[in-house]
Amino acid sequence: MSVQKAIDLSGSGETIQDAVSEALDRARETLEGITRFEVKDITGIVDGPHTAYQVEIRVWFTVLERMHG
């Protein structure tokens, strides 16, 4: 039996996909066992001709069992 934990993260990028990828890539640096994610919110920032996207995602991962001795 496994236990799942979820955390909320945000990422930004020139596209929505870039923003999601940024958040997931950062999560992979410190979390093991990521199993899924959900996009909770998408917002955009317009600065003249430039558009940027920010996403909030919830990432689920398996809590690893470690034996301490």
Protein backbone atom coordinates (compact mmCIF):
# COMPACT_ATOMS: atom_id res chain seq x y z
CA MET A 1 0.00 0.00 0.00
CA SER A 2 1.36 3.43 -0.87
CA VAL A 3 0.70 6.86 0.54
CA GLN A 4 0.35 9.87 -1.75
CA LYS A 5 1.10 13.46 -0.85
CA ALA A 6 0.28 16.60 -2.86
CA ILE A 7 1.93 20.01 -3.03
CA ASP A 8 1.00 23.16 -4.93
CA LEU A 9 3.57 24.82 -7.19
CA SER A 10 3.66 27.62 -9.73
CA GLY A 11 5.63 28.11 -12.91
CA SER A 12 5.83 30.68 -15.66
CA GLY A 13 6.76 30.68 -19.33
CA GLU A 14 6.08 32.00 -22.81
CA THR A 15 3.45 29.27 -23.31
CA ILE A 16 1.18 27.38 -20.94
CA GLN A 17 3.12 24.20 -21.69
CA ASP A 18 6.41 25.95 -20.85
CA ALA A 19 4.95 27.15 -17.55
CA VAL A 20 3.77 23.65 -16.59
CA SER A 21 7.10 22.14 -17.65
CA GLU A 22 9.03 24.65 -15.55
CA ALA A 23 7.03 23.78 -12.43
CA LEU A 24 7.34 20.01 -13.03
CA ASP A 25 11.06 20.22 -13.81
CA ARG A 26 11.69 22.06 -10.54
CA ALA A 27 9.60 19.50 -8.65
CA ARG A 28 11.61 16.63 -10.16
CA GLU A 29 14.81 18.16 -8.74
CA THR A 30 13.70 17.44 -5.17
CA LEU A 31 10.81 14.96 -5.30
CA GLU A 32 10.89 11.28 -6.17
CA GLY A 33 7.88 9.25 -7.25
CA ILE A 34 5.80 11.96 -8.94
CA THR A 35 2.67 10.25 -10.22
CA ARG A 36 0.42 12.98 -11.59
CA PHE A 37 -0.39 16.67 -11.66
CA GLU A 38 -3.42 18.90 -12.05
CA VAL A 39 -3.48 22.43 -13.46
CA LYS A 40 -5.36 24.48 -10.86
CA ASP A 41 -5.15 27.96 -12.43
CA ILE A 42 -3.81 29.69 -15.53
CA THR A 43 -3.18 33.42 -15.70
CA GLY A 44 -1.52 35.63 -18.27
CA ILE A 45 0.53 38.78 -18.16
CA VAL A 46 0.58 41.16 -21.11
CA ASP A 47 3.43 43.65 -21.37
CA GLY A 48 3.06 45.44 -24.69
CA PRO A 49 3.70 42.87 -27.42
CA HIS A 50 4.90 40.24 -24.93
CA THR A 51 2.70 37.66 -23.26
CA ALA A 52 3.71 35.39 -20.39
CA TYR A 53 1.71 32.68 -18.66
CA GLN A 54 1.69 31.59 -15.04
CA VAL A 55 0.19 28.31 -13.90
CA GLU A 56 -0.56 26.89 -10.51
CA ILE A 57 -0.35 23.10 -10.40
CA ARG A 58 -0.90 20.45 -7.77
CA VAL A 59 1.66 17.62 -7.93
CA TRP A 60 1.08 14.21 -6.33
CA PHE A 61 3.94 11.94 -5.38
CA THR A 62 4.38 8.67 -3.51
CA VAL A 63 5.78 8.96 0.00
CA LEU A 64 8.76 6.62 0.11
CA GLU A 65 9.15 4.21 2.99
CA ARG A 66 12.59 4.36 4.50
CA MET A 67 13.90 2.08 7.19
CA HIS A 68 15.90 3.78 9.91
CA GLY A 69 18.36 1.70 11.79
